[in-house]
Structures are given as C-alpha cells and as structure tokens.
Protein backbone atom coordinates (compact mmCIF):
# COMPACT_ATOMS: atom_id res chain seq x y z
CA GLN A 1 -90.34 -24.02 -36.86
CA LEU A 2 -88.27 -20.68 -36.89
CA SER A 3 -91.55 -18.72 -37.12
CA GLU A 4 -92.95 -20.91 -34.20
CA ASP A 5 -90.20 -20.55 -31.92
CA VAL A 6 -89.68 -16.93 -32.68
CA GLU A 7 -93.46 -16.24 -31.99
CA ARG A 8 -92.75 -18.15 -28.94
CA VAL A 9 -89.93 -15.82 -27.27
CA SER A 10 -92.04 -12.99 -28.23
CA GLU A 11 -95.22 -14.46 -26.58
CA ASN A 12 -92.79 -15.37 -23.38
CA PRO A 13 -90.10 -12.71 -23.08
CA THR A 14 -89.67 -13.11 -19.31
CA GLU A 15 -89.80 -16.74 -18.67
CA GLU A 16 -86.43 -16.74 -21.21
CA ARG A 17 -84.80 -14.06 -19.25
CA GLU A 18 -85.24 -16.39 -16.48
CA GLY A 19 -83.85 -19.39 -18.19
CA GLU A 20 -81.07 -17.89 -18.87
CA MET A 21 -80.81 -16.12 -15.80
CA GLU A 22 -81.10 -19.84 -14.08
CA VAL A 23 -78.59 -21.38 -16.60
CA HIS A 24 -76.09 -18.66 -15.45
CA GLU A 25 -76.70 -19.18 -12.04
CA ASP A 26 -76.00 -23.21 -12.70
CA SER A 27 -73.06 -23.01 -14.79
CA SER A 28 -71.55 -20.61 -11.87
CA SER A 29 -72.88 -23.00 -9.30
CA VAL A 30 -71.20 -25.70 -11.30
CA ILE A 31 -67.72 -24.27 -12.12
CA LEU A 32 -66.64 -22.58 -8.81
CA PRO A 33 -68.13 -24.49 -6.10
CA ASP A 34 -66.46 -27.92 -7.12
CA GLY A 35 -63.31 -27.30 -7.00
CA GLU A 36 -61.42 -26.73 -9.87
CA LEU A 37 -61.15 -23.61 -10.56
CA GLY A 38 -61.63 -22.51 -6.91
CA THR A 39 -58.89 -24.58 -6.21
CA THR A 40 -57.11 -26.71 -8.72
CA THR A 41 -56.50 -23.38 -11.56
CA PRO A 42 -55.50 -20.43 -8.98
CA SER A 43 -53.10 -22.90 -7.18
CA LEU A 44 -50.86 -23.48 -10.20
CA ARG A 45 -51.41 -19.82 -11.14
CA PHE A 46 -49.85 -18.92 -7.55
CA SER A 47 -47.66 -21.05 -7.95
CA LYS A 48 -45.94 -19.62 -11.25
CA THR A 49 -46.42 -16.39 -9.54
CA CYS A 50 -44.61 -17.07 -6.87
CA LEU A 51 -41.45 -18.40 -9.05
CA LYS A 52 -41.98 -15.16 -11.05
CA ASN A 53 -41.21 -12.90 -8.06
CA VAL A 54 -38.59 -15.40 -6.59
CA PHE A 55 -36.89 -14.99 -9.74
CA SER A 56 -37.22 -11.22 -10.10
CA VAL A 57 -35.83 -10.86 -6.90
CA ILE A 58 -32.83 -13.16 -7.74
CA LEU A 59 -32.48 -10.67 -10.72
CA LEU A 60 -32.63 -8.24 -8.26
CA PHE A 61 -30.42 -8.76 -6.17
CA ILE A 62 -27.92 -9.62 -8.95
CA TYR A 63 -28.20 -6.53 -10.66
CA LEU A 64 -27.81 -4.78 -7.11
CA LEU A 65 -24.59 -6.56 -6.62
CA LEU A 66 -23.39 -5.55 -10.24
CA MET A 67 -23.95 -1.88 -9.11
CA ALA A 68 -22.12 -2.56 -6.32
CA VAL A 69 -18.86 -4.10 -8.16
CA ALA A 70 -19.56 -0.78 -10.70
CA VAL A 71 -19.55 1.09 -8.07
CA PHE A 72 -15.94 0.26 -6.71
CA LEU A 73 -14.19 0.05 -10.15
CA VAL A 74 -15.25 3.69 -10.06
CA TYR A 75 -13.49 4.15 -7.02
CA GLN A 76 -10.77 2.63 -7.66
CA THR A 77 -10.24 3.84 -11.21
CA ILE A 78 -10.24 7.65 -9.85
CA SER A 79 -7.62 6.32 -6.72
CA ASP A 80 -5.04 5.07 -9.51
CA PHE A 81 -5.34 7.91 -11.58
CA ARG A 82 -4.76 10.07 -8.93
CA GLU A 83 -1.66 7.57 -7.83
CA LYS A 84 -0.31 7.53 -11.20
CA LEU A 85 -0.62 11.31 -11.01
CA LYS A 86 1.33 11.83 -7.92
CA HIS A 87 4.25 8.96 -9.51
CA PRO A 88 4.99 9.53 -12.65
CA VAL A 89 7.39 6.71 -14.79
CA MET A 90 10.90 7.52 -16.14
CA SER A 91 10.56 7.20 -19.84
CA VAL A 92 14.15 6.15 -21.85
CA THR A 93 14.29 6.63 -25.25
CA TYR A 94 17.67 7.03 -27.49
CA LYS A 95 18.40 8.84 -30.90
CA GLU A 96 21.19 8.24 -32.84
CA VAL A 97 23.27 11.04 -34.53
CA SER A 98 26.60 10.78 -36.66
CA LEU A 99 27.82 14.25 -35.62
CA TYR A 100 27.68 15.20 -32.00
CA ASP A 101 27.70 19.25 -31.28
CA ALA A 102 31.25 19.37 -29.91
CA PRO A 103 31.21 19.86 -26.24
CA GLY A 104 33.56 22.21 -24.01
CA ILE A 105 36.49 20.57 -22.14
CA ALA A 106 37.67 23.20 -19.15
CA PHE A 107 41.44 21.93 -17.87
CA TYR A 108 42.02 23.53 -14.69
CA PRO A 109 45.94 22.33 -14.88
CA GLY A 110 47.59 25.02 -11.75
CA LYS A 111 50.97 24.83 -12.62
CA ALA A 112 51.02 22.30 -15.56
CA GLN A 113 51.50 23.79 -18.84
CA LEU A 114 49.53 22.48 -22.05
CA LEU A 115 52.25 20.69 -24.30
CA SER A 116 50.13 19.01 -27.22
CA CYS A 117 46.53 18.58 -28.39
CA LYS A 118 45.54 16.89 -31.32
CA HIS A 119 42.66 15.60 -33.20
CA HIS A 120 42.26 11.55 -34.23
CA TYR A 121 40.23 9.00 -36.13
CA TYR A 122 39.57 5.85 -35.76
CA ASP A 123 40.91 4.99 -32.33
CA HIS A 124 44.56 5.46 -33.17
CA ILE A 125 46.90 7.45 -31.37
CA PRO A 126 50.63 7.59 -33.08
CA PRO A 127 53.42 6.77 -30.12
CA LEU A 128 54.69 9.99 -28.92
CA ILE A 129 58.41 11.11 -30.53
CA ASN A 130 59.30 13.54 -28.29
CA PRO A 131 57.36 12.83 -24.82
CA GLY A 132 58.00 15.64 -22.46
CA GLN A 133 58.65 18.47 -25.23
CA PRO A 134 56.15 20.91 -26.71
CA GLY A 135 54.45 19.59 -29.35
CA ASP A 136 51.37 21.01 -32.15
CA ILE A 137 48.13 22.18 -30.83
CA GLU A 138 45.88 21.53 -32.96
CA CYS A 139 42.51 21.79 -31.05
CA THR A 140 40.82 25.25 -30.51
CA THR A 141 41.52 25.94 -27.22
CA GLN A 142 40.60 29.34 -25.34
CA ARG A 143 42.13 30.63 -21.81
CA ILE A 144 39.56 31.88 -19.04
CA ASN A 145 39.87 33.79 -16.05
CA TYR A 146 36.62 34.09 -13.43
CA THR A 147 35.61 34.04 -9.49
CA ASP A 148 35.09 30.70 -7.98
CA PRO A 149 31.14 30.21 -7.81
CA PHE A 150 30.87 28.76 -4.39
CA THR A 151 33.66 31.50 -2.59
CA ASN A 152 33.60 34.38 -4.64
CA GLN A 153 36.99 35.23 -4.01
CA THR A 154 39.00 33.02 -5.00
CA MET A 155 40.16 33.37 -9.05
CA LYS A 156 40.38 30.32 -10.91
CA TYR A 157 42.01 29.64 -14.16
CA ALA A 158 40.35 27.46 -16.92
CA LEU A 159 42.03 26.14 -20.34
CA VAL A 160 38.73 25.55 -22.65
CA VAL A 161 39.14 22.64 -25.50
CA GLN A 162 36.94 22.00 -28.22
CA GLY A 163 35.73 18.36 -27.65
CA PRO A 164 35.64 15.56 -30.60
CA ARG A 165 32.36 15.75 -32.91
CA ASP A 166 32.44 12.90 -35.56
CA VAL A 167 31.31 9.59 -33.70
CA LYS A 168 31.16 8.08 -37.20
CA LYS A 169 34.79 8.10 -37.85
CA ARG A 170 35.71 8.16 -33.82
CA GLU A 171 36.75 11.21 -33.89
CA LEU A 172 39.07 11.59 -30.00
CA VAL A 173 41.17 14.32 -28.58
CA PHE A 174 44.36 13.16 -27.34
CA LEU A 175 46.20 15.83 -25.04
CA GLN A 176 49.80 16.23 -23.09
CA PHE A 177 50.28 18.27 -20.25
CA HIS A 178 53.60 18.39 -17.94
CA LEU A 179 53.92 19.76 -14.88
CA ASN A 180 57.65 20.11 -13.83
CA GLU A 181 57.25 19.96 -9.74
CA THR A 182 54.60 19.84 -7.24
CA ASP A 183 54.28 20.39 -3.13
CA GLN A 184 51.62 17.19 -3.25
CA ASP A 185 51.82 13.73 -2.72
CA PHE A 186 49.29 12.96 -5.75
CA SER A 187 49.18 15.33 -8.95
CA ALA A 188 45.92 15.42 -10.61
CA ILE A 189 44.35 17.77 -12.93
CA ASP A 190 41.05 18.17 -13.02
CA TYR A 191 38.31 18.64 -15.61
CA LEU A 192 34.97 19.35 -16.58
CA LEU A 193 32.19 18.70 -19.15
CA PHE A 194 29.97 20.81 -20.83
CA SER A 195 27.26 20.92 -23.30
CA SER A 196 28.48 22.99 -26.17
CA PHE A 197 31.76 24.35 -26.86
CA GLN A 198 29.91 27.00 -29.25
CA GLU A 199 27.50 28.28 -26.60
CA PHE A 200 30.81 29.03 -25.16
CA VAL A 201 32.31 30.94 -27.95
CA SER A 202 29.14 32.74 -28.67
CA SER A 203 28.32 34.00 -24.85
CA PRO A 204 28.64 37.35 -24.02
CA GLU A 205 29.91 36.88 -20.81
CA LYS A 206 32.36 34.12 -20.61
CA ALA A 207 33.07 34.11 -17.10
CA LYS A 208 29.62 33.65 -16.34
CA PHE A 209 29.11 31.21 -18.18
CA MET A 210 31.86 28.90 -16.54
CA LYS A 211 30.76 29.60 -13.44
CA ASP A 212 26.96 28.46 -14.16
CA CYS A 213 28.31 25.36 -15.62
CA GLU A 214 30.73 24.13 -12.51
CA SER A 215 27.53 24.90 -10.50
CA SER A 216 25.35 22.66 -12.55
CA TYR A 217 28.06 19.73 -13.66
CA SER A 218 30.28 17.79 -11.72
CA SER A 219 34.23 17.65 -12.01
CA TRP A 220 36.90 14.66 -12.33
CA LYS A 221 40.55 14.26 -12.51
CA PHE A 222 42.94 12.52 -14.37
CA SER A 223 46.73 11.62 -13.11
CA GLY A 224 49.79 12.24 -13.95
CA GLY A 225 51.40 9.45 -15.60
CA PHE A 226 49.18 7.52 -17.09
CA ARG A 227 47.12 7.56 -20.12
CA THR A 228 43.28 8.01 -18.96
CA TRP A 229 41.13 7.09 -21.67
CA VAL A 230 37.54 8.88 -21.75
CA LYS A 231 34.56 7.60 -23.11
CA MET A 232 31.56 10.05 -22.87
CA SER A 233 27.77 9.43 -23.68
CA LEU A 234 25.36 12.41 -23.62
CA VAL A 235 22.16 12.35 -21.05
CA LYS A 236 19.13 14.76 -21.79
CA THR A 237 17.04 15.07 -19.19
CA LYS A 238 13.64 16.70 -19.76
CA GLU A 239 12.03 18.55 -16.91
CA GLU A 240 8.24 18.86 -15.85
CA ASP A 241 8.29 22.70 -16.68
CA GLY A 242 9.51 21.79 -20.32
CA SER A 243 13.31 22.81 -19.65
CA GLU A 244 16.42 20.52 -20.95
CA THR A 245 19.30 19.61 -18.72
CA VAL A 246 22.69 18.16 -20.57
CA GLU A 247 24.61 15.90 -18.56
CA PHE A 248 27.70 13.32 -19.15
CA LYS A 249 28.36 9.88 -18.38
CA GLN A 250 31.83 8.59 -18.54
CA GLU A 251 33.95 5.67 -18.40
CA THR A 252 37.43 5.72 -17.48
CA SER A 253 40.22 3.16 -18.21
CA VAL A 254 43.54 4.11 -17.11
CA VAL A 255 46.98 2.64 -18.63
CA ASN A 256 50.10 2.94 -16.99
CA TYR A 257 52.73 5.27 -19.36
CA ILE A 258 56.05 3.60 -19.06
CA ASP A 259 58.61 6.92 -19.12
CA GLN A 260 61.52 5.49 -22.07
CA ARG A 261 63.16 8.94 -21.31
CA THR A 262 67.11 8.54 -20.90
CA LYS A 263 67.47 10.40 -18.07
CA PRO A 264 65.37 10.07 -14.80
CA ARG A 265 63.35 12.96 -14.59
CA SER A 266 61.18 14.56 -11.31
CA ASP A 267 58.62 15.53 -13.36
CA GLN A 268 55.16 14.80 -14.32
CA LEU A 269 53.55 13.87 -17.63
CA PHE A 270 49.90 13.68 -18.12
CA PHE A 271 48.00 12.09 -20.38
CA VAL A 272 44.12 12.01 -21.75
CA VAL A 273 41.79 10.86 -24.24
CA PHE A 274 38.52 12.10 -25.09
CA GLU A 275 35.85 10.20 -26.97
CA TRP A 276 32.26 9.57 -27.78
CA LYS A 277 31.14 6.09 -26.53
CA ASP A 278 28.76 5.31 -29.38
CA PRO A 279 26.23 7.69 -31.29
CA PHE A 280 23.19 7.29 -29.40
CA ILE A 281 22.18 10.39 -27.12
CA GLN A 282 19.94 9.05 -24.27
CA THR A 283 16.78 11.17 -23.44
CA VAL A 284 15.09 11.13 -19.80
CA GLN A 285 11.62 11.78 -18.72
CA ASP A 286 9.03 11.77 -16.79
CA ILE A 287 5.72 10.52 -18.20
CA ILE A 288 2.24 9.98 -16.08
CA THR A 289 0.73 6.50 -17.56
CA ALA A 290 -2.71 7.58 -16.43
CA ASN A 291 -4.43 8.66 -19.98
CA PRO A 292 -7.70 10.88 -19.08
CA TRP A 293 -9.19 10.08 -21.75
CA ASN A 294 -9.35 6.02 -21.05
CA MET A 295 -10.32 6.62 -17.86
CA ILE A 296 -13.30 9.23 -19.15
CA ALA A 297 -14.16 6.16 -21.50
CA LEU A 298 -13.99 3.85 -18.70
CA LEU A 299 -16.02 5.84 -16.08
CA CYS A 300 -18.44 6.20 -19.22
CA GLY A 301 -19.25 2.75 -19.69
CA ILE A 302 -19.49 2.09 -16.08
CA PHE A 303 -22.17 4.76 -15.45
CA LEU A 304 -23.92 3.61 -18.67
CA ALA A 305 -24.20 0.44 -16.76
CA LEU A 306 -25.18 1.77 -13.17
CA PHE A 307 -28.18 3.53 -15.41
CA LYS A 308 -28.44 0.47 -17.43
CA ALA A 309 -28.73 -1.60 -13.92
CA ALA A 310 -31.05 1.10 -12.32
CA ASP A 311 -33.50 1.13 -15.19
CA PHE A 312 -34.16 -2.62 -15.02
CA ALA A 313 -34.44 -3.42 -11.35
CA LYS A 314 -37.11 -0.22 -11.86
CA LEU A 315 -39.14 -2.04 -14.31
CA SER A 316 -38.17 -5.62 -12.18
CA VAL A 317 -39.80 -4.07 -8.91
CA LYS A 318 -42.61 -2.37 -11.01
CA TRP A 319 -43.76 -6.13 -12.94
CA MET A 320 -43.31 -7.62 -9.57
CA ILE A 321 -45.48 -5.02 -8.08
CA LYS A 322 -48.04 -5.32 -11.29
CA ILE A 323 -48.14 -8.90 -10.43
CA ARG A 324 -48.78 -8.93 -7.18
CA ARG A 325 -51.62 -6.27 -8.09
CA ARG A 326 -53.08 -9.31 -10.23
CA HIS A 327 -52.51 -11.90 -8.08
CA LEU A 328 -54.73 -9.88 -5.57
CA LYS A 329 -57.28 -8.90 -7.94
CA ARG A 330 -57.49 -12.82 -9.28
CA THR A 331 -57.97 -13.81 -5.36
CA ARG A 332 -60.50 -10.88 -4.74
CA GLN A 333 -62.37 -12.13 -7.53
CA VAL A 334 -62.42 -15.71 -6.82
CA THR A 335 -63.44 -14.81 -3.24
CA ASN A 336 -66.73 -12.65 -4.52
CA HIS A 337 -67.36 -15.85 -6.26
CA ILE A 338 -67.34 -18.00 -3.98
CA SER A 339 -69.17 -16.01 -1.95
C-alpha cells in the first residue's frame, strides 16, 4: 500500500499540493473568522498587557517618588552639615589629678602688711596665737612693681604667693594681713589668680608677665574683719586655633572674725584661705558634631539608590515599549489574517 501511495503521489504531485493548499485555507478560514482566535484570545492578551502596563506605570511612579525623597534627603543632609559647621557644640570633660601645678596668687595689699602665711593640710587651721602680730611666713613669695596695663601711668605693687598643690591631702594656704589705718569706709584687698607660679618665677620679664595676667584674668576682693575661704577650680578652654586658655572658678564663703584682743584696736585684720575645690580639671572645647565621613557614606547610599531607581525606571520604560510593540504587531497580524 505504501508503494502504491508513493506512486500515486509521484504521478500527481500538483494535485497533492493543491489539496494541501485547500486544507490550509480551510483551516485558516475555520480558525480566524469563527471568533475564537479573532475575538476571545486577543482580548485576553490585551487585558493582561493592559494590567502589566498599569502595574509598570504604578511602579514607575513609586520609584519616581522614591527618587524625589532621595533628592530631598540629599538636600537636607547637606543643609544640616552646613548648619552644624556653623554652630559647634560645647564639650566638657573632666580630668582627675592628684597634684596641681601650683597657681600664683597676686595680692595688691596697698598699705596693708603681710603678717603670716602658712600651708596647712587636711582642712585644719589651728587657732591664731597672736592675731595682729607678725608671725611665720612659710610660703614662697615674690614682690614686684609694674605699670598698670590699662593706664600705662600708674605703678602697681603686687605680692605674689605660691598657691596650694596637693589636692589629695587637701592642702590650703592661710594668709593674715594687717592694715593700720585707712582713709576709706570699706577696707578690702584685691587679689588675682593665674595658672602657674613656676611660669612667673622662670619668666625673664616678670613685669610684662603680670601685665598680661592682669589683662587676661579677673580680679576679686576679700574684706577686713572676716575670714574669707576661697575654693578654686580650674577650667581649661581649647580654642579653634589649637591654643589653650586657663581660668579659675571660685566658691567663696565668708565667716565673721571675732576680735578677742584685750585692747580695742582701730586697725583691720584680713584673713584669707585658698584651697582646691576638687581634683578635677575641667576642659571645655567646641566640637563639630557633623562627621564628614558619615555624610559621605549617606550621600553615596542615596546616590546609589537614585541610580538604581533610574536604572529600574529605564528598564520599565523599555519593557513597556517592547510590550506595546508586541501588542501592535499581534494586532496587525490578526488584521492581516482577517483581511
């Protein structure tokens, strides 16, 4: 039978081709015009494509929104960094020490006379045996004359005394002054604190050193007829140029002195005590809280997100264009088959 069929095909090849053409035409005429492929299948494809396009548009808008948020974050980060550069934050640190560098105490007694000066420990001052009489001067002192730094005309006399050092033993310096007469209603002695007595001793120009100290530091007073207790604390301030300034903070308490001398006296007695408040040196400096490396890392992350979002948006647009072209191509094919 196969041989007969082969002979039949070889004898009538044109008829077989015409039959195949008729079959193809019949099949195409059956599939396309009936409405199954021409109406149902393209509509389903169109609906799926439409949903994909809508979803892609939504994603595109979401990523555009994210890009806008990222751009806002970049602007806000740069603005915050510039604001923090303009307004540094004050940082306070405390360093504990066992020994201070002995401060210098400059007194301006005027007509008053130094009667005694002693170092005591453990916050204990024995009672005075002969108040108003000259006693022992066990402190390191120096006397100096220099011109007033504000007028450059008036000569000033200063008595510079070495202050306490040992904060653990609660070292203090107790001084007694005597003023025989005064032409003022209120009698007081001015004093000035500066950071290092050793710097004053080793300075080749002590007069200039004292003028600079008086220009830089504040002066205080203690009154006659009282015992004035001064507790000092040291504050170091670091400037932006790297220099360091030193100043003192004081807590002063005043106790009335009861004069138990037998004969009434017209003179004035001055008593003053200097000691350290605590073993902590306070260091103050301005710091910039804005870290450039943190800002650079944040900007890198934001720009990376921007590039990723832009890349995704670009691919989404390309994908939508490709889907649209496919849809148009299929529509043209269907129209050609129908025609």
